[in-house]
């Protein structure tokens, strides 16, 4: 995961104006006090999600062009297929900031592929190639249990729960695992930074301009990034509030109705450059970001961000449950039960 727009200025004001104009119809008043009716939804198994994170970490750092990266990608494909998803693998080459050509794969699992009304749920599955925020071994890759692994673990459990439960819905869900998100230029590397582009989010930049299916569109999207740490806080990310406040309201009110208000905070946070930016900008899908941000101002992200301490010790089942059960509830609230 990256940095604040205010700090890095990676997207120019013209692009922000384009997004704001395009999504102005999604503006809404704050509806946090409205009652949420909870449709019956499958139960999210936090232990299962935790195991999915653990299994990813067991491969080692999932850095593009590595053996661990290839093996983990195959694992994700197999898992999605085992839960009945129609899987599409989008292979592409991405050129990194240092000239490296990254052999990459965006992986999409379609649940209820025949449904016209679709929701896009996304996370990145690669991990950081350097520990640039650590005091030691800065040039070594990290485990990425939270930054990468947690969002994928939650979405695998969403797929498993939807297939296993007798409760069905007419909503289509597309689970998207973006690749090459975290291979951006570290602060210790010299080089020219164009303020109107980012060296991060290469997978979402590619997919948003080359969708896996011609004419693909989703009703809305949700991006998960760093959603597994103990005590994680998810304030309403600034860019999400600018382009898709109705989606933010829907998710945050649902989380509070489920009793997860300790994680989903109504405070507005800074704008973050993440995969959702490019999904909004290029694919024109209103996608929001659920991301662990520090509202105290002491730091931007969770305390072990881009360090070697982003390992399984950071992962908390209760946090995974809060995010995953909220997502399942939001999906099922959108549709009509088929049973």
Foldseek 3Di string as FASTA:
>chain_A
DFDFCVVQLQAPPVLLVVLLVLQVVQADDQPLVDDDDFDDFFAQDLVQLLVQLVVLLVLPALAFPDPSVVVVVVVLQVLLVVLPWDKDKDWDWDQFPVRDTGGDIKIKTKDLVVFPAEEEEEEAAHFAQALLVDPPRRRHTASCSQFRSNSSSLVSSLSNRQSPDPWHWSYMYMYIHFYQQRHWDHPVDDDDRDSNHTSGLRRLLVCLQPPSDPPDAHQAYEYEGRQFFPQFAFEFEDSLNSRRVVVLSLLLSLLVVVPNCSRYDPDYDGHDDGSQSSCCSRNVHSYGYGFGADPVPPDGHPPSPSHNVSDSVRGDSVRSSSVNVSVRRSRRSVGDIPD
